[in-house]
Amino acid sequence: SQAKQKMMSSSAAYPRHAHGGPLRRSSIHLRLLLVLAVKLLLIEGSESFAITEHSWQYKGHHIGYEDCRKKQGDVAGAAAVAPASSATIDPSPSTESGGAGTDVATIPPSPTRGVSDENPVLLLNGFGVGTFHQHRLMPKLIDGSDGNRVVYGIDYLGQGRSWPIDCSDGESESERGLRYCINTWADQIIEFIEEVILPEHTNSKKIHLVGNSVGGYLSVVLASKRPDLIDSICLLNATPVWGLNAPGWSGVLPAPFLPKRIGRYLFDRIRDFKTIEKFLDETYSNRLAFDDDLMKRIRGMTEGPGGHAAFASIMWSPPAEFDAEGSTDFYGSLEKLDCDCLLVFGKDDPWCKPAFAKRMCECLGKRSDHVHRYVEVENAGHCPNHEAPTATAAIVNRWLK
């Protein structure tokens, strides 16, 4: 066989000793030692970071968030790893096909950033997932750091581990008056940055945002409302629209009879296991990039007592307000964005296609005092952070340096 021929030719390349080949045996031993050393290095590298769960209160609501950082001792002066009461998580394994053809070397770092800049990074999820969807990307952003970078992830109120206390289908005291909309999430993230992230990083006054899908849309909202907090934004297949603003209800809980019934019916259809698999199959370029575990995690997020009400509220809620005047123009906001912007789009996304990114680039190009870059990732769909984390991290790490 071809493999056998390769082995034979490889063996013939090593000279034999006149008394039976100890030189060949020693070379094999050396190769085995090298393989063992590489494996040990890989094991050590894979354990050089920790993803840790935390909780925080936002207006009396329980918010789940995570951070990923190098373990204490791996970086001189690194901050202490999360408190003992927090839970440390192993990231999910990755079967990755994305990134072929992406020339990372051609992506220049933003000229407004220095080499030693280690402002924290906040990852913003797409809709219907939690921070678990960032576990493949988080460690790679840590590995790409020259110092003690910390990467955060957070669940929006009404998703993942972030819920009002004592949810009861929109009827509890903690849910009344609440509207699950993009403006609520923006307010939540702003408070999180000010109360949790920046106090821990006393040398930083700004953070980097990396947002996928609606997380990209939310990144533009945050950078528009609070440019004083945002160093740069990276949009991963960002959606340019959000908020149906359906008639008949404002989205403020509790829901009226009809929106409640419609929301319940649609929510139960969307969270069906077969529907989840169909959505993922459509939006991922490679079927092997997601598995039953991801589908179970997505389904698990919908099983609490507040899910139906949250979904109905999201459906009826309005789009974001990008400025104090109440503008809802996403593309117009890009023209006024006061920070550098990187767009990374999976080429095979059937929803937020690269054509959307090109229009975003046109808007960003109307600015004269900030930089923007656009990169397409081949063999990746709507979620390059999860489907192609290695290629995505290489691009983002290059940008952050």
Protein backbone atom coordinates (compact mmCIF):
# COMPACT_ATOMS: atom_id res chain seq x y z
CA SER A 1 0.00 0.00 0.00
CA GLN A 2 0.99 3.66 -0.32
CA ALA A 3 1.23 4.04 3.48
CA LYS A 4 3.41 0.93 3.65
CA GLN A 5 5.69 2.22 0.88
CA LYS A 6 6.10 5.49 2.80
CA MET A 7 7.02 3.59 5.94
CA MET A 8 9.55 1.47 4.05
CA SER A 9 11.21 4.41 2.38
CA SER A 10 11.29 6.24 5.69
CA SER A 11 12.97 3.28 7.38
CA ALA A 12 15.53 2.97 4.60
CA ALA A 13 16.60 6.54 5.19
CA TYR A 14 18.11 5.67 8.58
CA PRO A 15 21.63 4.10 8.47
CA ARG A 16 22.05 0.80 10.28
CA HIS A 17 24.85 -0.13 12.67
CA ALA A 18 26.92 -3.14 11.63
CA HIS A 19 25.72 -5.11 14.70
CA GLY A 20 21.92 -5.00 14.27
CA GLY A 21 20.78 -1.35 14.17
CA PRO A 22 21.01 0.39 17.62
CA LEU A 23 21.32 3.72 15.81
CA ARG A 24 17.94 3.11 14.15
CA ARG A 25 16.40 2.08 17.49
CA SER A 26 17.75 5.20 19.17
CA SER A 27 16.31 7.38 16.41
CA ILE A 28 12.90 5.74 16.92
CA HIS A 29 13.18 6.36 20.65
CA LEU A 30 14.02 9.99 19.91
CA ARG A 31 10.95 10.30 17.69
CA LEU A 32 8.75 8.77 20.40
CA LEU A 33 10.13 11.21 22.93
CA LEU A 34 9.41 14.12 20.58
CA VAL A 35 5.83 12.93 20.07
CA LEU A 36 5.38 12.61 23.83
CA ALA A 37 6.79 16.10 24.38
CA VAL A 38 4.39 17.57 21.79
CA LYS A 39 1.45 15.81 23.45
CA LEU A 40 2.46 17.15 26.85
CA LEU A 41 2.71 20.65 25.42
CA LEU A 42 -0.74 20.33 23.87
CA ILE A 43 -2.21 19.10 27.16
CA GLU A 44 -0.53 21.91 29.06
CA GLY A 45 -1.78 24.46 26.51
CA SER A 46 -5.34 23.16 26.69
CA GLU A 47 -5.32 23.58 30.47
CA SER A 48 -3.73 27.03 30.50
CA PHE A 49 -7.09 28.80 30.68
CA ALA A 50 -10.28 28.61 32.72
CA ILE A 51 -13.86 29.44 31.72
CA THR A 52 -15.78 30.31 34.87
CA GLU A 53 -19.47 30.95 35.52
CA HIS A 54 -20.58 33.96 37.59
CA SER A 55 -23.82 35.71 38.43
CA TRP A 56 -24.73 39.38 38.77
CA GLN A 57 -27.88 41.38 39.53
CA TYR A 58 -29.41 43.73 36.99
CA LYS A 59 -32.41 45.67 38.30
CA GLY A 60 -33.15 42.79 40.65
CA HIS A 61 -32.91 40.15 37.90
CA HIS A 62 -30.43 37.26 37.98
CA ILE A 63 -27.87 37.54 35.16
CA GLY A 64 -25.48 34.76 34.21
CA TYR A 65 -22.10 35.59 32.74
CA GLU A 66 -18.72 33.93 32.23
CA ASP A 67 -15.11 34.93 31.90
CA CYS A 68 -12.19 33.17 30.30
CA ARG A 69 -8.64 33.93 31.36
CA LYS A 70 -5.22 32.40 31.64
CA LYS A 71 -4.77 30.43 34.81
CA GLN A 72 -2.91 32.11 37.62
CA GLY A 73 0.82 31.75 37.19
CA ASP A 74 0.70 31.46 33.38
CA VAL A 75 1.07 35.23 33.01
CA ALA A 76 3.05 37.41 35.38
CA GLY A 77 0.68 39.69 37.21
CA ALA A 78 -2.45 37.92 35.96
CA ALA A 79 -5.62 38.59 37.91
CA ALA A 80 -6.82 35.89 40.29
CA VAL A 81 -9.07 33.26 38.77
CA ALA A 82 -12.75 33.35 39.66
CA PRO A 83 -13.92 32.86 43.25
CA ALA A 84 -14.41 29.35 44.63
CA SER A 85 -18.19 29.70 44.52
CA SER A 86 -18.08 29.95 40.72
CA ALA A 87 -18.13 26.94 38.41
CA THR A 88 -15.30 26.22 35.97
CA ILE A 89 -16.35 24.86 32.59
CA ASP A 90 -14.64 22.73 29.95
CA PRO A 91 -15.17 24.14 26.44
CA SER A 92 -16.89 21.88 23.93
CA PRO A 93 -14.73 20.12 21.35
CA SER A 94 -14.63 21.56 17.87
CA THR A 95 -15.03 19.86 14.51
CA GLU A 96 -14.02 22.74 12.33
CA SER A 97 -14.01 23.15 8.57
CA GLY A 98 -14.20 26.94 8.27
CA GLY A 99 -11.44 29.27 7.33
CA ALA A 100 -10.08 27.79 4.16
CA GLY A 101 -8.77 30.53 1.93
CA THR A 102 -8.81 33.24 4.62
CA ASP A 103 -5.49 35.11 4.43
CA VAL A 104 -5.10 36.36 7.99
CA ALA A 105 -1.72 37.89 7.24
CA THR A 106 -3.38 40.51 5.03
CA ILE A 107 -5.52 41.81 7.88
CA PRO A 108 -3.68 44.77 9.40
CA PRO A 109 -4.14 45.58 13.05
CA SER A 110 -6.16 48.70 13.69
CA PRO A 111 -3.68 51.61 13.72
CA THR A 112 -5.32 53.10 16.83
CA ARG A 113 -4.20 50.14 18.97
CA GLY A 114 -0.78 49.47 20.47
CA VAL A 115 0.90 46.09 20.88
CA SER A 116 0.53 45.99 24.64
CA ASP A 117 -3.16 46.92 24.62
CA GLU A 118 -5.08 44.34 26.64
CA ASN A 119 -8.47 45.95 26.98
CA PRO A 120 -11.01 43.26 27.92
CA VAL A 121 -13.16 41.60 25.27
CA LEU A 122 -16.91 41.03 25.57
CA LEU A 123 -18.56 38.43 23.34
CA LEU A 124 -22.23 39.00 22.50
CA ASN A 125 -24.31 35.98 21.49
CA GLY A 126 -26.78 35.45 18.71
CA PHE A 127 -30.45 34.86 19.48
CA GLY A 128 -31.55 31.62 21.17
CA VAL A 129 -28.15 30.58 22.55
CA GLY A 130 -26.17 31.26 25.71
CA THR A 131 -22.51 31.83 26.47
CA PHE A 132 -21.92 28.11 25.83
CA HIS A 133 -22.00 29.04 22.13
CA GLN A 134 -18.75 31.00 22.68
CA HIS A 135 -16.78 28.24 24.40
CA ARG A 136 -14.87 27.28 21.26
CA LEU A 137 -13.81 30.87 20.56
CA MET A 138 -12.97 32.03 24.09
CA PRO A 139 -9.78 29.97 24.65
CA LYS A 140 -8.44 30.85 21.20
CA LEU A 141 -8.78 34.56 21.95
CA ILE A 142 -6.88 33.94 25.19
CA ASP A 143 -4.15 31.97 23.39
CA GLY A 144 -3.76 34.83 20.91
CA SER A 145 -3.02 37.33 23.66
CA ASP A 146 0.50 38.47 24.51
CA GLY A 147 -0.52 39.31 28.05
CA ASN A 148 -3.37 38.81 30.48
CA ARG A 149 -6.39 39.40 28.28
CA VAL A 150 -9.76 38.50 29.79
CA VAL A 151 -12.70 37.48 27.58
CA TYR A 152 -16.26 37.82 28.89
CA GLY A 153 -19.57 36.39 27.75
CA ILE A 154 -23.03 37.24 29.04
CA ASP A 155 -26.58 35.92 28.62
CA TYR A 156 -29.20 38.52 27.73
CA LEU A 157 -32.14 38.86 30.09
CA GLY A 158 -34.69 36.24 29.01
CA GLN A 159 -32.08 33.83 27.59
CA GLY A 160 -29.58 31.32 28.92
CA ARG A 161 -29.00 31.76 32.67
CA SER A 162 -30.43 35.30 32.83
CA TRP A 163 -34.02 35.49 34.10
CA PRO A 164 -36.20 37.44 36.50
CA ILE A 165 -36.64 35.88 39.92
CA ASP A 166 -39.73 33.66 40.24
CA CYS A 167 -40.79 33.63 36.58
CA SER A 168 -44.42 32.70 36.01
CA ASP A 169 -45.21 33.03 32.30
CA GLY A 170 -44.99 36.83 32.44
CA GLU A 171 -47.37 37.17 35.38
CA SER A 172 -45.02 37.32 38.37
CA GLU A 173 -44.20 40.53 40.19
CA SER A 174 -40.62 40.44 38.91
CA GLU A 175 -41.81 40.12 35.28
CA ARG A 176 -44.55 42.75 35.28
CA GLY A 177 -43.53 45.89 33.39
CA LEU A 178 -40.57 44.11 31.77
CA ARG A 179 -40.02 44.23 28.01
CA TYR A 180 -37.53 41.84 26.43
CA CYS A 181 -36.25 44.12 23.70
CA ILE A 182 -32.93 45.19 22.24
CA ASN A 183 -33.01 48.43 24.26
CA THR A 184 -33.36 46.45 27.49
CA TRP A 185 -30.40 44.28 26.50
CA ALA A 186 -28.33 47.36 25.61
CA ASP A 187 -29.05 48.88 29.01
CA GLN A 188 -28.15 45.57 30.66
CA ILE A 189 -24.81 45.38 28.82
CA ILE A 190 -23.92 49.00 29.58
CA GLU A 191 -24.46 48.42 33.31
CA PHE A 192 -22.47 45.18 33.08
CA ILE A 193 -19.52 46.98 31.49
CA GLU A 194 -19.62 49.77 34.07
CA GLU A 195 -20.29 47.66 37.17
CA VAL A 196 -18.44 44.39 36.44
CA ILE A 197 -15.85 44.62 33.65
CA LEU A 198 -14.20 48.02 34.01
CA PRO A 199 -13.89 47.97 37.84
CA GLU A 200 -11.83 44.80 37.47
CA HIS A 201 -9.60 46.37 34.81
CA THR A 202 -8.49 49.61 36.39
CA ASN A 203 -6.05 50.35 33.55
CA SER A 204 -8.80 50.12 30.94
CA LYS A 205 -11.44 52.69 30.17
CA LYS A 206 -12.88 50.88 27.16
CA ILE A 207 -13.58 47.35 25.95
CA HIS A 208 -13.71 45.48 22.64
CA LEU A 209 -17.05 44.01 21.52
CA VAL A 210 -17.33 40.88 19.37
CA GLY A 211 -20.94 40.17 18.42
CA ASN A 212 -22.52 37.39 16.35
CA SER A 213 -25.87 37.86 14.58
CA VAL A 214 -28.10 39.98 16.86
CA GLY A 215 -24.99 40.36 19.05
CA GLY A 216 -23.44 42.29 16.15
CA TYR A 217 -26.53 44.49 15.87
CA LEU A 218 -26.34 45.05 19.63
CA SER A 219 -22.64 45.97 19.32
CA VAL A 220 -23.56 48.80 16.94
CA VAL A 221 -26.28 49.96 19.37
CA LEU A 222 -23.80 50.03 22.27
CA ALA A 223 -21.05 51.79 20.29
CA SER A 224 -23.59 54.37 19.10
CA LYS A 225 -25.05 55.05 22.55
CA ARG A 226 -21.85 54.86 24.59
CA PRO A 227 -18.75 55.47 22.46
CA ASP A 228 -16.90 56.36 25.65
CA LEU A 229 -17.01 52.65 26.65
CA ILE A 230 -16.15 50.98 23.34
CA ASP A 231 -12.65 50.69 21.85
CA SER A 232 -13.65 48.65 18.78
CA ILE A 233 -16.41 46.36 17.54
CA CYS A 234 -16.21 43.15 15.52
CA LEU A 235 -19.38 42.08 13.71
CA LEU A 236 -19.66 38.34 13.00
CA ASN A 237 -22.44 37.89 10.44
CA ALA A 238 -24.35 40.71 12.10
CA THR A 239 -28.04 41.08 11.37
CA PRO A 240 -28.95 44.60 10.17
CA VAL A 241 -32.53 44.37 11.50
CA TRP A 242 -34.17 43.49 14.80
CA GLY A 243 -37.53 44.14 16.43
CA LEU A 244 -40.75 43.27 14.58
CA ASN A 245 -42.73 45.97 16.40
CA ALA A 246 -45.88 43.93 15.74
CA PRO A 247 -49.18 45.82 16.19
CA GLY A 248 -51.57 45.40 19.10
CA TRP A 249 -49.09 45.32 21.98
CA SER A 250 -45.96 47.13 23.15
CA GLY A 251 -44.19 43.98 24.35
CA VAL A 252 -44.41 45.05 28.01
CA LEU A 253 -45.43 42.11 30.23
CA PRO A 254 -47.91 40.71 31.01
CA ALA A 255 -49.04 39.93 27.48
CA PRO A 256 -52.64 40.36 26.29
CA PHE A 257 -54.58 37.21 25.42
CA LEU A 258 -53.95 37.07 21.65
CA PRO A 259 -50.20 37.88 21.59
CA LYS A 260 -49.75 35.44 24.46
CA ARG A 261 -51.45 32.61 22.55
CA ILE A 262 -49.63 33.37 19.29
CA GLY A 263 -46.28 33.63 21.05
CA ARG A 264 -46.86 30.35 22.90
CA TYR A 265 -47.79 28.50 19.70
CA LEU A 266 -44.79 29.78 17.71
CA PHE A 267 -42.36 29.28 20.58
CA ASP A 268 -43.35 25.63 20.94
CA ARG A 269 -42.85 25.09 17.19
CA ILE A 270 -39.45 26.82 17.12
CA ARG A 271 -38.04 25.01 20.16
CA ASP A 272 -38.98 21.59 18.83
CA PHE A 273 -35.82 19.46 18.59
CA LYS A 274 -36.30 18.76 14.87
CA THR A 275 -36.80 22.48 14.17
CA ILE A 276 -33.61 23.34 16.06
CA GLU A 277 -31.71 20.78 14.01
CA LYS A 278 -33.20 22.14 10.78
CA PHE A 279 -32.22 25.73 11.64
CA LEU A 280 -28.67 24.69 12.49
CA ASP A 281 -28.42 22.56 9.36
CA GLU A 282 -29.46 25.55 7.25
CA THR A 283 -27.18 28.08 8.90
CA TYR A 284 -24.02 25.99 9.37
CA SER A 285 -21.87 25.22 6.35
CA ASN A 286 -20.63 21.96 7.84
CA ARG A 287 -23.08 19.52 9.50
CA LEU A 288 -20.24 18.06 11.58
CA ALA A 289 -19.67 21.43 13.27
CA PHE A 290 -22.69 20.96 15.55
CA ASP A 291 -23.91 17.94 17.48
CA ASP A 292 -26.71 16.69 19.72
CA ASP A 293 -25.12 18.35 22.73
CA LEU A 294 -25.51 21.82 21.18
CA MET A 295 -29.11 21.09 20.22
CA LYS A 296 -29.88 19.87 23.74
CA ARG A 297 -28.33 23.01 25.24
CA ILE A 298 -30.41 25.24 22.96
CA ARG A 299 -33.55 23.28 23.81
CA GLY A 300 -32.67 23.38 27.52
CA MET A 301 -32.67 27.19 27.46
CA THR A 302 -36.37 27.17 26.53
CA GLU A 303 -37.67 24.96 29.32
CA GLY A 304 -37.98 27.48 32.16
CA PRO A 305 -41.26 29.03 33.32
CA GLY A 306 -40.52 32.37 31.63
CA GLY A 307 -39.67 31.27 28.09
CA HIS A 308 -43.09 31.64 26.44
CA ALA A 309 -43.61 35.16 27.79
CA ALA A 310 -40.08 36.21 26.84
CA PHE A 311 -40.52 35.01 23.26
CA ALA A 312 -43.84 36.82 22.84
CA SER A 313 -42.34 40.02 24.26
CA ILE A 314 -39.38 39.80 21.86
CA MET A 315 -41.71 39.32 18.88
CA TRP A 316 -43.78 42.40 19.69
CA SER A 317 -40.95 44.66 20.81
CA PRO A 318 -39.66 47.61 18.75
CA PRO A 319 -36.26 47.94 17.04
CA ALA A 320 -33.33 49.58 18.78
CA GLU A 321 -32.89 53.28 19.37
CA PHE A 322 -29.36 54.09 18.27
CA ASP A 323 -29.11 57.60 19.70
CA ALA A 324 -30.76 60.11 22.01
CA GLU A 325 -33.04 61.23 19.18
CA GLY A 326 -34.51 57.72 18.91
CA SER A 327 -33.12 56.87 15.45
CA THR A 328 -33.78 53.25 14.41
CA ASP A 329 -31.58 53.40 11.27
CA PHE A 330 -28.91 50.69 11.55
CA TYR A 331 -27.01 51.62 8.39
CA GLY A 332 -27.20 55.33 9.16
CA SER A 333 -25.70 54.62 12.58
CA LEU A 334 -22.72 52.89 10.94
CA GLU A 335 -21.95 56.13 9.09
CA LYS A 336 -21.61 57.92 12.44
CA LEU A 337 -19.88 55.15 14.39
CA ASP A 338 -17.08 56.56 16.55
CA CYS A 339 -14.79 53.52 16.71
CA ASP A 340 -12.90 51.08 14.50
CA CYS A 341 -14.98 48.22 13.09
CA LEU A 342 -14.07 44.74 11.81
CA LEU A 343 -16.60 42.70 9.84
CA VAL A 344 -16.09 38.93 9.69
CA PHE A 345 -18.72 37.04 7.69
CA GLY A 346 -19.10 33.33 7.07
CA LYS A 347 -19.41 33.11 3.30
CA ASP A 348 -22.14 30.43 3.33
CA ASP A 349 -24.62 32.23 5.60
CA PRO A 350 -28.09 32.01 4.00
CA TRP A 351 -29.52 34.69 6.31
CA CYS A 352 -26.98 37.47 6.90
CA LYS A 353 -25.19 37.18 3.60
CA PRO A 354 -21.88 38.84 2.67
CA ALA A 355 -23.92 41.25 0.55
CA PHE A 356 -25.17 42.77 3.83
CA ALA A 357 -21.57 43.16 4.96
CA LYS A 358 -20.66 44.96 1.75
CA ARG A 359 -23.41 47.50 2.33
CA MET A 360 -22.17 47.91 5.92
CA CYS A 361 -18.68 48.56 4.54
CA GLU A 362 -20.04 51.25 2.23
CA CYS A 363 -21.59 53.03 5.22
CA LEU A 364 -18.47 52.66 7.35
CA GLY A 365 -16.39 53.99 4.45
CA LYS A 366 -18.16 57.35 4.66
CA ARG A 367 -16.26 58.07 7.87
CA SER A 368 -12.84 59.66 7.64
CA ASP A 369 -11.43 59.25 11.14
CA HIS A 370 -11.81 55.52 11.84
CA VAL A 371 -10.73 52.23 10.29
CA HIS A 372 -12.88 49.34 9.08
CA ARG A 373 -11.95 45.98 7.56
CA TYR A 374 -13.99 43.18 5.97
CA VAL A 375 -13.01 39.48 5.89
CA GLU A 376 -14.96 36.54 4.48
CA VAL A 377 -14.48 33.12 6.05
CA GLU A 378 -14.98 30.28 3.59
CA ASN A 379 -16.71 27.03 4.59
CA ALA A 380 -18.53 28.81 7.41
CA GLY A 381 -22.12 29.96 7.80
CA HIS A 382 -24.03 32.20 10.19
CA CYS A 383 -21.98 31.44 13.33
CA PRO A 384 -18.25 31.56 12.50
CA ASN A 385 -17.48 31.93 16.21
CA HIS A 386 -18.75 28.37 16.75
CA GLU A 387 -18.29 26.75 13.35
CA ALA A 388 -14.86 28.18 12.52
CA PRO A 389 -13.36 29.34 15.85
CA THR A 390 -9.72 28.91 14.80
CA ALA A 391 -10.04 31.05 11.67
CA THR A 392 -12.26 33.58 13.44
CA ALA A 393 -9.89 33.89 16.40
CA ALA A 394 -6.89 34.33 14.10
CA ILE A 395 -8.66 37.22 12.38
CA VAL A 396 -9.89 38.84 15.59
CA ASN A 397 -6.56 38.39 17.40
CA ARG A 398 -4.76 40.07 14.52
CA TRP A 399 -7.23 42.94 14.74
CA LEU A 400 -6.87 43.39 18.49
CA LYS A 401 -3.07 43.62 18.48
